Amino acid sequence: MGFEFIQTSVDGAVGIIRLNRPEVLNALNLKMVEEIVTALEEWDQDKAIRVILITGNDKAFAAGADIDEMANESTVAMYQKDQFRTWDRIAKISKPIIAAVSGFALGGGCELMMNCDMIIASETTKIGQPEVKLGVMPGAGGTVRLTKIVGKLKAMEMLLTGEPITAEEALQYQLVNKVVPVELYFEEAMKLAKQIANQPPVAVSMIKRSLMTALDSPTEQALKYERNGFYLLFSSEDQTEGMSAFIEKRKPNFSGK
């Protein structure tokens, strides 16, 4: 994969996307978002890749959207551009996405982080939605996902003041999974990614879809989806292998079939 604003690499069964606009603290322009989503979609179809990791650098995961790209736009131009249609494609990725975050995760950077399934943050991380300070508001899920994760009171404070929170505060509000020293955040994220990559891929994908369904569905509907997934997995080779390995007291060898 050849891209302008991101770098991609593979470590075993983990696909790595590194945001690469360091001169602007990885501010997200339209092309960069398109490249991120394209890489996600390509790896989602690649059976050799089981987990995807997104990261930036020590100073910034992503410090927000590219304001220069939007400052002089009109309502009609922004509507016609429909830039959030690209963001919506992230929700369709079936494989787990882990964010390794350090430094600034602001605005669009915070929204990209919240689109991931798990987040490992360095202790230097600053997370926020500062759009109100520019006379606008989040548009890629900032008001919605942030409220669902941290609750109304904290979300309202963050969104209306525009002030960021620390990594430790984010951990307190369950906005990140773990906080570690800056020199370890990528290593910890990779450790988590490889642990999940060793699990049966079909079951992992089914669990992710069931969990995401549960977030936005009534309990009865979510339970029905979960139970259908449970039954369907008994058609997979990995179910046979996993249960056989358990009975035989050996390590399973999952094929993803």
C-alpha atoms as a PDB file:
ATOM      1  CA  MET A   1       0.000   0.000   0.000  1.00  0.00           C
ATOM      2  CA  GLY A   2       1.415   3.386  -1.025  1.00  0.00           C
ATOM      3  CA  PHE A   3       0.104   6.470   0.792  1.00  0.00           C
ATOM      4  CA  GLU A   4       1.075  10.123   1.226  1.00  0.00           C
ATOM      5  CA  PHE A   5       0.008  10.871   4.786  1.00  0.00           C
ATOM      6  CA  ILE A   6       0.191   7.508   6.550  1.00  0.00           C
ATOM      7  CA  GLN A   7       2.758   4.736   6.790  1.00  0.00           C
ATOM      8  CA  THR A   8       1.703   1.092   6.842  1.00  0.00           C
ATOM      9  CA  SER A   9       3.560  -1.996   7.993  1.00  0.00           C
ATOM     10  CA  VAL A  10       2.857  -5.520   9.161  1.00  0.00           C
ATOM     11  CA  ASP A  11       4.116  -7.322  12.255  1.00  0.00           C
ATOM     12  CA  GLY A  12       2.961 -10.931  12.147  1.00  0.00           C
ATOM     13  CA  ALA A  13      -0.837 -10.839  11.967  1.00  0.00           C
ATOM     14  CA  VAL A  14      -1.026  -7.172  13.021  1.00  0.00           C
ATOM     15  CA  GLY A  15      -1.437  -4.412  10.449  1.00  0.00           C
ATOM     16  CA  ILE A  16      -0.020  -1.069  11.630  1.00  0.00           C
ATOM     17  CA  ILE A  17      -1.184   2.352  10.422  1.00  0.00           C
ATOM     18  CA  ARG A  18       1.058   5.229  11.506  1.00  0.00           C
ATOM     19  CA  LEU A  19      -0.265   8.751  10.975  1.00  0.00           C
ATOM     20  CA  ASN A  20       2.482  10.726   9.284  1.00  0.00           C
ATOM     21  CA  ARG A  21       2.013  14.498   9.163  1.00  0.00           C
ATOM     22  CA  PRO A  22       4.391  15.373  12.025  1.00  0.00           C
ATOM     23  CA  GLU A  23       4.875  18.962  10.849  1.00  0.00           C
ATOM     24  CA  VAL A  24       1.206  19.687  11.769  1.00  0.00           C
ATOM     25  CA  LEU A  25       0.945  17.229  14.694  1.00  0.00           C
ATOM     26  CA  ASN A  26      -0.838  14.725  12.437  1.00  0.00           C
ATOM     27  CA  ALA A  27      -3.795  17.035  11.752  1.00  0.00           C
ATOM     28  CA  LEU A  28      -6.342  15.102   9.728  1.00  0.00           C
ATOM     29  CA  ASN A  29      -7.053  16.407   6.256  1.00  0.00           C
ATOM     30  CA  LEU A  30      -9.570  14.752   3.924  1.00  0.00           C
ATOM     31  CA  LYS A  31      -6.979  12.772   2.000  1.00  0.00           C
ATOM     32  CA  MET A  32      -5.385  11.461   5.189  1.00  0.00           C
ATOM     33  CA  VAL A  33      -8.745  10.209   6.496  1.00  0.00           C
ATOM     34  CA  GLU A  34      -9.424   8.556   3.149  1.00  0.00           C
ATOM     35  CA  GLU A  35      -6.029   6.848   3.300  1.00  0.00           C
ATOM     36  CA  ILE A  36      -6.673   5.600   6.856  1.00  0.00           C
ATOM     37  CA  VAL A  37     -10.044   4.151   5.902  1.00  0.00           C
ATOM     38  CA  THR A  38      -8.697   2.624   2.696  1.00  0.00           C
ATOM     39  CA  ALA A  39      -5.934   0.851   4.649  1.00  0.00           C
ATOM     40  CA  LEU A  40      -8.476  -0.367   7.201  1.00  0.00           C
ATOM     41  CA  GLU A  41     -10.721  -1.762   4.475  1.00  0.00           C
ATOM     42  CA  GLU A  42      -7.895  -3.467   2.609  1.00  0.00           C
ATOM     43  CA  TRP A  43      -6.653  -5.174   5.765  1.00  0.00           C
ATOM     44  CA  ASP A  44     -10.192  -6.092   6.752  1.00  0.00           C
ATOM     45  CA  GLN A  45     -10.274  -8.241   3.603  1.00  0.00           C
ATOM     46  CA  ASP A  46      -6.785  -9.698   4.125  1.00  0.00           C
ATOM     47  CA  LYS A  47      -6.988 -13.045   5.946  1.00  0.00           C
ATOM     48  CA  ALA A  48      -3.357 -12.771   7.042  1.00  0.00           C
ATOM     49  CA  ILE A  49      -4.192  -9.679   9.116  1.00  0.00           C
ATOM     50  CA  ARG A  50      -6.188 -10.352  12.281  1.00  0.00           C
ATOM     51  CA  VAL A  51      -5.859  -7.070  14.217  1.00  0.00           C
ATOM     52  CA  ILE A  52      -5.225  -3.484  13.102  1.00  0.00           C
ATOM     53  CA  LEU A  53      -3.295  -0.928  15.157  1.00  0.00           C
ATOM     54  CA  ILE A  54      -3.445   2.836  14.572  1.00  0.00           C
ATOM     55  CA  THR A  55      -0.839   5.170  16.062  1.00  0.00           C
ATOM     56  CA  GLY A  56       0.848   8.527  15.600  1.00  0.00           C
ATOM     57  CA  ASN A  57       4.038   9.619  17.339  1.00  0.00           C
ATOM     58  CA  ASP A  58       5.052  10.514  20.892  1.00  0.00           C
ATOM     59  CA  LYS A  59       3.965  14.150  20.497  1.00  0.00           C
ATOM     60  CA  ALA A  60       0.631  13.600  18.795  1.00  0.00           C
ATOM     61  CA  PHE A  61      -1.792  10.885  17.844  1.00  0.00           C
ATOM     62  CA  ALA A  62      -3.681  13.550  15.908  1.00  0.00           C
ATOM     63  CA  ALA A  63      -4.120  17.148  17.075  1.00  0.00           C
ATOM     64  CA  GLY A  64      -7.407  17.663  15.247  1.00  0.00           C
ATOM     65  CA  ALA A  65      -8.780  18.312  11.797  1.00  0.00           C
ATOM     66  CA  ASP A  66      -6.895  20.416   9.263  1.00  0.00           C
ATOM     67  CA  ILE A  67      -8.450  23.840   9.943  1.00  0.00           C
ATOM     68  CA  ASP A  68      -6.824  25.413   6.869  1.00  0.00           C
ATOM     69  CA  GLU A  69      -8.881  23.013   4.765  1.00  0.00           C
ATOM     70  CA  MET A  70     -12.192  24.198   6.259  1.00  0.00           C
ATOM     71  CA  ALA A  71     -11.764  27.831   7.331  1.00  0.00           C
ATOM     72  CA  ASN A  72     -13.233  29.440   4.210  1.00  0.00           C
ATOM     73  CA  GLU A  73     -15.849  26.825   3.302  1.00  0.00           C
ATOM     74  CA  SER A  74     -19.574  27.548   3.051  1.00  0.00           C
ATOM     75  CA  THR A  75     -22.433  25.457   4.417  1.00  0.00           C
ATOM     76  CA  VAL A  76     -23.308  24.273   0.914  1.00  0.00           C
ATOM     77  CA  ALA A  77     -19.699  23.342   0.125  1.00  0.00           C
ATOM     78  CA  MET A  78     -19.345  21.401   3.377  1.00  0.00           C
ATOM     79  CA  TYR A  79     -22.646  19.613   2.769  1.00  0.00           C
ATOM     80  CA  GLN A  80     -21.700  18.670  -0.776  1.00  0.00           C
ATOM     81  CA  LYS A  81     -18.283  17.480   0.324  1.00  0.00           C
ATOM     82  CA  ASP A  82     -19.977  15.097   2.793  1.00  0.00           C
ATOM     83  CA  GLN A  83     -16.652  14.406   4.463  1.00  0.00           C
ATOM     84  CA  PHE A  84     -18.124  12.306   7.272  1.00  0.00           C
ATOM     85  CA  ARG A  85     -19.264   9.644   4.820  1.00  0.00           C
ATOM     86  CA  THR A  86     -15.656   8.425   4.842  1.00  0.00           C
ATOM     87  CA  TRP A  87     -15.651   8.282   8.653  1.00  0.00           C
ATOM     88  CA  ASP A  88     -18.829   6.190   8.636  1.00  0.00           C
ATOM     89  CA  ARG A  89     -16.976   3.403   6.825  1.00  0.00           C
ATOM     90  CA  ILE A  90     -14.812   2.774   9.909  1.00  0.00           C
ATOM     91  CA  ALA A  91     -17.810   1.319  11.765  1.00  0.00           C
ATOM     92  CA  LYS A  92     -18.042  -1.431   9.129  1.00  0.00           C
ATOM     93  CA  ILE A  93     -14.555  -2.827   9.824  1.00  0.00           C
ATOM     94  CA  SER A  94     -15.023  -6.318  11.266  1.00  0.00           C
ATOM     95  CA  LYS A  95     -11.529  -6.787  12.710  1.00  0.00           C
ATOM     96  CA  PRO A  96     -10.486  -5.277  16.051  1.00  0.00           C
ATOM     97  CA  ILE A  97      -8.853  -1.853  15.841  1.00  0.00           C
ATOM     98  CA  ILE A  98      -6.483  -0.785  18.621  1.00  0.00           C
ATOM     99  CA  ALA A  99      -5.257   2.783  19.074  1.00  0.00           C
ATOM    100  CA  ALA A 100      -1.785   3.455  20.528  1.00  0.00           C
ATOM    101  CA  VAL A 101      -2.102   7.074  21.628  1.00  0.00           C
ATOM    102  CA  SER A 102       0.411   9.605  22.918  1.00  0.00           C
ATOM    103  CA  GLY A 103       0.472  13.382  23.103  1.00  0.00           C
ATOM    104  CA  PHE A 104      -2.444  15.254  21.568  1.00  0.00           C
ATOM    105  CA  ALA A 105      -5.661  13.432  20.661  1.00  0.00           C
ATOM    106  CA  LEU A 106      -7.885  16.414  20.002  1.00  0.00           C
ATOM    107  CA  GLY A 107     -10.944  17.070  17.857  1.00  0.00           C
ATOM    108  CA  GLY A 108     -10.830  14.695  14.906  1.00  0.00           C
ATOM    109  CA  GLY A 109      -7.958  12.892  16.636  1.00  0.00           C
ATOM    110  CA  CYS A 110     -10.174  12.169  19.623  1.00  0.00           C
ATOM    111  CA  GLU A 111     -12.955  11.054  17.275  1.00  0.00           C
ATOM    112  CA  LEU A 112     -10.595   8.732  15.390  1.00  0.00           C
ATOM    113  CA  MET A 113      -9.400   7.317  18.717  1.00  0.00           C
ATOM    114  CA  MET A 114     -13.003   6.701  19.839  1.00  0.00           C
ATOM    115  CA  ASN A 115     -13.706   4.876  16.567  1.00  0.00           C
ATOM    116  CA  CYS A 116     -11.153   2.287  17.665  1.00  0.00           C
ATOM    117  CA  ASP A 117     -12.153  -0.716  19.764  1.00  0.00           C
ATOM    118  CA  MET A 118      -9.430  -0.497  22.421  1.00  0.00           C
ATOM    119  CA  ILE A 119      -7.059   2.303  23.413  1.00  0.00           C
ATOM    120  CA  ILE A 120      -3.635   2.215  25.060  1.00  0.00           C
ATOM    121  CA  ALA A 121      -2.505   5.713  26.066  1.00  0.00           C
ATOM    122  CA  SER A 122       0.800   7.135  27.205  1.00  0.00           C
ATOM    123  CA  GLU A 123       0.805   9.168  30.404  1.00  0.00           C
ATOM    124  CA  THR A 124       1.484  12.298  28.316  1.00  0.00           C
ATOM    125  CA  THR A 125      -1.777  12.002  26.389  1.00  0.00           C
ATOM    126  CA  LYS A 126      -4.191  14.951  26.261  1.00  0.00           C
ATOM    127  CA  ILE A 127      -7.688  14.117  25.003  1.00  0.00           C
ATOM    128  CA  GLY A 128     -10.375  16.616  24.084  1.00  0.00           C
ATOM    129  CA  GLN A 129     -12.913  18.101  21.697  1.00  0.00           C
ATOM    130  CA  PRO A 130     -11.949  21.803  21.348  1.00  0.00           C
ATOM    131  CA  GLU A 131     -14.265  22.580  18.400  1.00  0.00           C
ATOM    132  CA  VAL A 132     -16.373  25.020  20.433  1.00  0.00           C
ATOM    133  CA  LYS A 133     -13.345  27.335  20.658  1.00  0.00           C
ATOM    134  CA  LEU A 134     -13.473  27.648  16.865  1.00  0.00           C
ATOM    135  CA  GLY A 135     -17.190  28.401  16.765  1.00  0.00           C
ATOM    136  CA  VAL A 136     -18.166  24.934  15.566  1.00  0.00           C
ATOM    137  CA  MET A 137     -18.857  21.490  17.000  1.00  0.00           C
ATOM    138  CA  PRO A 138     -17.709  17.898  16.429  1.00  0.00           C
ATOM    139  CA  GLY A 139     -19.071  16.212  13.324  1.00  0.00           C
ATOM    140  CA  ALA A 140     -17.417  12.777  13.248  1.00  0.00           C
ATOM    141  CA  GLY A 141     -19.131  11.421  16.349  1.00  0.00           C
ATOM    142  CA  GLY A 142     -17.561  13.552  19.081  1.00  0.00           C
ATOM    143  CA  THR A 143     -20.780  14.495  20.868  1.00  0.00           C
ATOM    144  CA  VAL A 144     -22.273  11.030  20.445  1.00  0.00           C
ATOM    145  CA  ARG A 145     -19.422   8.641  21.262  1.00  0.00           C
ATOM    146  CA  LEU A 146     -17.957  10.800  23.999  1.00  0.00           C
ATOM    147  CA  THR A 147     -21.336  11.007  25.765  1.00  0.00           C
ATOM    148  CA  LYS A 148     -21.883   7.251  25.512  1.00  0.00           C
ATOM    149  CA  ILE A 149     -18.466   6.554  27.004  1.00  0.00           C
ATOM    150  CA  VAL A 150     -18.000   9.163  29.741  1.00  0.00           C
ATOM    151  CA  GLY A 151     -21.619  10.130  30.430  1.00  0.00           C
ATOM    152  CA  LYS A 152     -23.583  13.365  30.056  1.00  0.00           C
ATOM    153  CA  LEU A 153     -21.946  15.446  32.786  1.00  0.00           C
ATOM    154  CA  LYS A 154     -18.299  14.952  31.806  1.00  0.00           C
ATOM    155  CA  ALA A 155     -19.067  15.053  28.084  1.00  0.00           C
ATOM    156  CA  MET A 156     -20.940  18.336  28.498  1.00  0.00           C
ATOM    157  CA  GLU A 157     -18.015  19.826  30.405  1.00  0.00           C
ATOM    158  CA  MET A 158     -15.458  18.701  27.838  1.00  0.00           C
ATOM    159  CA  LEU A 159     -17.516  19.746  24.822  1.00  0.00           C
ATOM    160  CA  LEU A 160     -18.640  23.152  26.118  1.00  0.00           C
ATOM    161  CA  THR A 161     -15.291  24.235  27.562  1.00  0.00           C
ATOM    162  CA  GLY A 162     -13.160  22.633  24.884  1.00  0.00           C
ATOM    163  CA  GLU A 163     -10.580  21.803  27.542  1.00  0.00           C
ATOM    164  CA  PRO A 164      -8.679  18.498  27.284  1.00  0.00           C
ATOM    165  CA  ILE A 165      -8.366  15.875  29.985  1.00  0.00           C
ATOM    166  CA  THR A 166      -5.277  13.940  31.025  1.00  0.00           C
ATOM    167  CA  ALA A 167      -4.638  10.272  30.358  1.00  0.00           C
ATOM    168  CA  GLU A 168      -5.359   9.448  33.992  1.00  0.00           C
ATOM    169  CA  GLU A 169      -8.705  11.253  33.833  1.00  0.00           C
ATOM    170  CA  ALA A 170      -9.488   9.394  30.612  1.00  0.00           C
ATOM    171  CA  LEU A 171      -8.764   6.113  32.387  1.00  0.00           C
ATOM    172  CA  GLN A 172     -11.045   7.137  35.264  1.00  0.00           C
ATOM    173  CA  TYR A 173     -13.877   7.787  32.791  1.00  0.00           C
ATOM    174  CA  GLN A 174     -13.172   4.558  30.859  1.00  0.00           C
ATOM    175  CA  LEU A 175     -12.178   6.462  27.741  1.00  0.00           C
ATOM    176  CA  VAL A 176      -8.946   4.424  27.488  1.00  0.00           C
ATOM    177  CA  ASN A 177      -8.088   0.859  28.489  1.00  0.00           C
ATOM    178  CA  LYS A 178      -4.676   1.480  30.008  1.00  0.00           C
ATOM    179  CA  VAL A 179      -2.175   4.250  30.715  1.00  0.00           C
ATOM    180  CA  VAL A 180       1.567   3.526  30.564  1.00  0.00           C
ATOM    181  CA  PRO A 181       4.827   5.513  30.369  1.00  0.00           C
ATOM    182  CA  VAL A 182       5.408   7.169  27.007  1.00  0.00           C
ATOM    183  CA  GLU A 183       8.235   4.799  26.115  1.00  0.00           C
ATOM    184  CA  LEU A 184       5.898   1.798  26.503  1.00  0.00           C
ATOM    185  CA  TYR A 185       2.562   2.796  24.942  1.00  0.00           C
ATOM    186  CA  PHE A 186       3.261   1.347  21.484  1.00  0.00           C
ATOM    187  CA  GLU A 187       4.800  -1.797  22.945  1.00  0.00           C
ATOM    188  CA  GLU A 188       1.758  -2.321  25.204  1.00  0.00           C
ATOM    189  CA  ALA A 189      -0.626  -1.792  22.308  1.00  0.00           C
ATOM    190  CA  MET A 190       1.288  -4.305  20.193  1.00  0.00           C
ATOM    191  CA  LYS A 191       1.252  -6.794  23.056  1.00  0.00           C
ATOM    192  CA  LEU A 192      -2.540  -6.509  23.235  1.00  0.00           C
ATOM    193  CA  ALA A 193      -2.858  -6.721  19.447  1.00  0.00           C
ATOM    194  CA  LYS A 194      -0.776  -9.905  19.246  1.00  0.00           C
ATOM    195  CA  GLN A 195      -2.689 -11.502  22.105  1.00  0.00           C
ATOM    196  CA  ILE A 196      -5.966 -10.938  20.249  1.00  0.00           C
ATOM    197  CA  ALA A 197      -4.406 -11.981  16.925  1.00  0.00           C
ATOM    198  CA  ASN A 198      -3.801 -15.418  18.456  1.00  0.00           C
ATOM    199  CA  GLN A 199      -7.519 -15.898  19.101  1.00  0.00           C
ATOM    200  CA  PRO A 200      -9.864 -17.515  16.522  1.00  0.00           C
ATOM    201  CA  PRO A 201     -10.561 -14.783  13.923  1.00  0.00           C
ATOM    202  CA  VAL A 202     -14.170 -15.726  13.130  1.00  0.00           C
ATOM    203  CA  ALA A 203     -15.127 -15.707  16.805  1.00  0.00           C
ATOM    204  CA  VAL A 204     -13.270 -12.422  17.360  1.00  0.00           C
ATOM    205  CA  SER A 205     -15.143 -10.778  14.483  1.00  0.00           C
ATOM    206  CA  MET A 206     -18.482 -12.164  15.675  1.00  0.00           C
ATOM    207  CA  ILE A 207     -17.855 -10.938  19.235  1.00  0.00           C
ATOM    208  CA  LYS A 208     -16.984  -7.450  17.980  1.00  0.00           C
ATOM    209  CA  ARG A 209     -20.153  -7.250  15.896  1.00  0.00           C
ATOM    210  CA  SER A 210     -22.290  -8.535  18.768  1.00  0.00           C
ATOM    211  CA  LEU A 211     -20.795  -6.002  21.180  1.00  0.00           C
ATOM    212  CA  MET A 212     -21.310  -3.110  18.755  1.00  0.00           C
ATOM    213  CA  THR A 213     -24.898  -4.247  18.177  1.00  0.00           C
ATOM    214  CA  ALA A 214     -25.462  -4.280  21.936  1.00  0.00           C
ATOM    215  CA  LEU A 215     -24.370  -0.637  22.222  1.00  0.00           C
ATOM    216  CA  ASP A 216     -27.110   0.630  19.922  1.00  0.00           C
ATOM    217  CA  SER A 217     -29.923  -1.930  20.213  1.00  0.00           C
ATOM    218  CA  PRO A 218     -32.609  -2.873  22.730  1.00  0.00           C
ATOM    219  CA  THR A 219     -31.582  -5.750  24.990  1.00  0.00           C
ATOM    220  CA  GLU A 220     -33.912  -8.286  23.391  1.00  0.00           C
ATOM    221  CA  GLN A 221     -32.632  -7.537  19.898  1.00  0.00           C
ATOM    222  CA  ALA A 222     -29.001  -7.601  21.052  1.00  0.00           C
ATOM    223  CA  LEU A 223     -29.496 -10.951  22.796  1.00  0.00           C
ATOM    224  CA  LYS A 224     -30.999 -12.421  19.635  1.00  0.00           C
ATOM    225  CA  TYR A 225     -27.960 -11.263  17.634  1.00  0.00           C
ATOM    226  CA  GLU A 226     -25.601 -12.708  20.244  1.00  0.00           C
ATOM    227  CA  ARG A 227     -27.326 -16.096  20.301  1.00  0.00           C
ATOM    228  CA  ASN A 228     -27.380 -16.351  16.517  1.00  0.00           C
ATOM    229  CA  GLY A 229     -23.632 -15.682  16.534  1.00  0.00           C
ATOM    230  CA  PHE A 230     -23.108 -18.339  19.196  1.00  0.00           C
ATOM    231  CA  TYR A 231     -24.937 -20.939  17.093  1.00  0.00           C
ATOM    232  CA  LEU A 232     -23.215 -19.930  13.846  1.00  0.00           C
ATOM    233  CA  LEU A 233     -19.761 -20.414  15.337  1.00  0.00           C
ATOM    234  CA  PHE A 234     -20.470 -24.126  15.677  1.00  0.00           C
ATOM    235  CA  SER A 235     -20.067 -24.245  11.890  1.00  0.00           C
ATOM    236  CA  SER A 236     -16.468 -23.032  12.126  1.00  0.00           C
ATOM    237  CA  GLU A 237     -13.356 -25.191  12.079  1.00  0.00           C
ATOM    238  CA  ASP A 238     -11.981 -23.021  14.877  1.00  0.00           C
ATOM    239  CA  GLN A 239     -14.789 -24.141  17.202  1.00  0.00           C
ATOM    240  CA  THR A 240     -13.884 -27.765  16.573  1.00  0.00           C
ATOM    241  CA  GLU A 241     -10.182 -27.037  17.056  1.00  0.00           C
ATOM    242  CA  GLY A 242     -10.692 -24.916  20.163  1.00  0.00           C
ATOM    243  CA  MET A 243     -12.849 -27.433  21.982  1.00  0.00           C
ATOM    244  CA  SER A 244     -10.718 -30.372  20.897  1.00  0.00           C
ATOM    245  CA  ALA A 245      -7.571 -28.626  22.142  1.00  0.00           C
ATOM    246  CA  PHE A 246      -9.263 -27.902  25.465  1.00  0.00           C
ATOM    247  CA  ILE A 247     -10.267 -31.554  25.941  1.00  0.00           C
ATOM    248  CA  GLU A 248      -6.840 -32.789  24.832  1.00  0.00           C
ATOM    249  CA  LYS A 249      -5.065 -30.222  27.058  1.00  0.00           C
ATOM    250  CA  ARG A 250      -3.005 -28.710  24.240  1.00  0.00           C
ATOM    251  CA  LYS A 251      -2.604 -25.291  22.643  1.00  0.00           C
ATOM    252  CA  PRO A 252      -5.132 -24.691  19.829  1.00  0.00           C
ATOM    253  CA  ASN A 253      -4.060 -23.852  16.296  1.00  0.00           C
ATOM    254  CA  PHE A 254      -6.749 -21.555  14.890  1.00  0.00           C
ATOM    255  CA  SER A 255      -7.017 -21.318  11.102  1.00  0.00           C
ATOM    256  CA  GLY A 256      -9.663 -18.625  10.815  1.00  0.00           C
ATOM    257  CA  LYS A 257     -12.103 -20.980   9.097  1.00  0.00           C
END
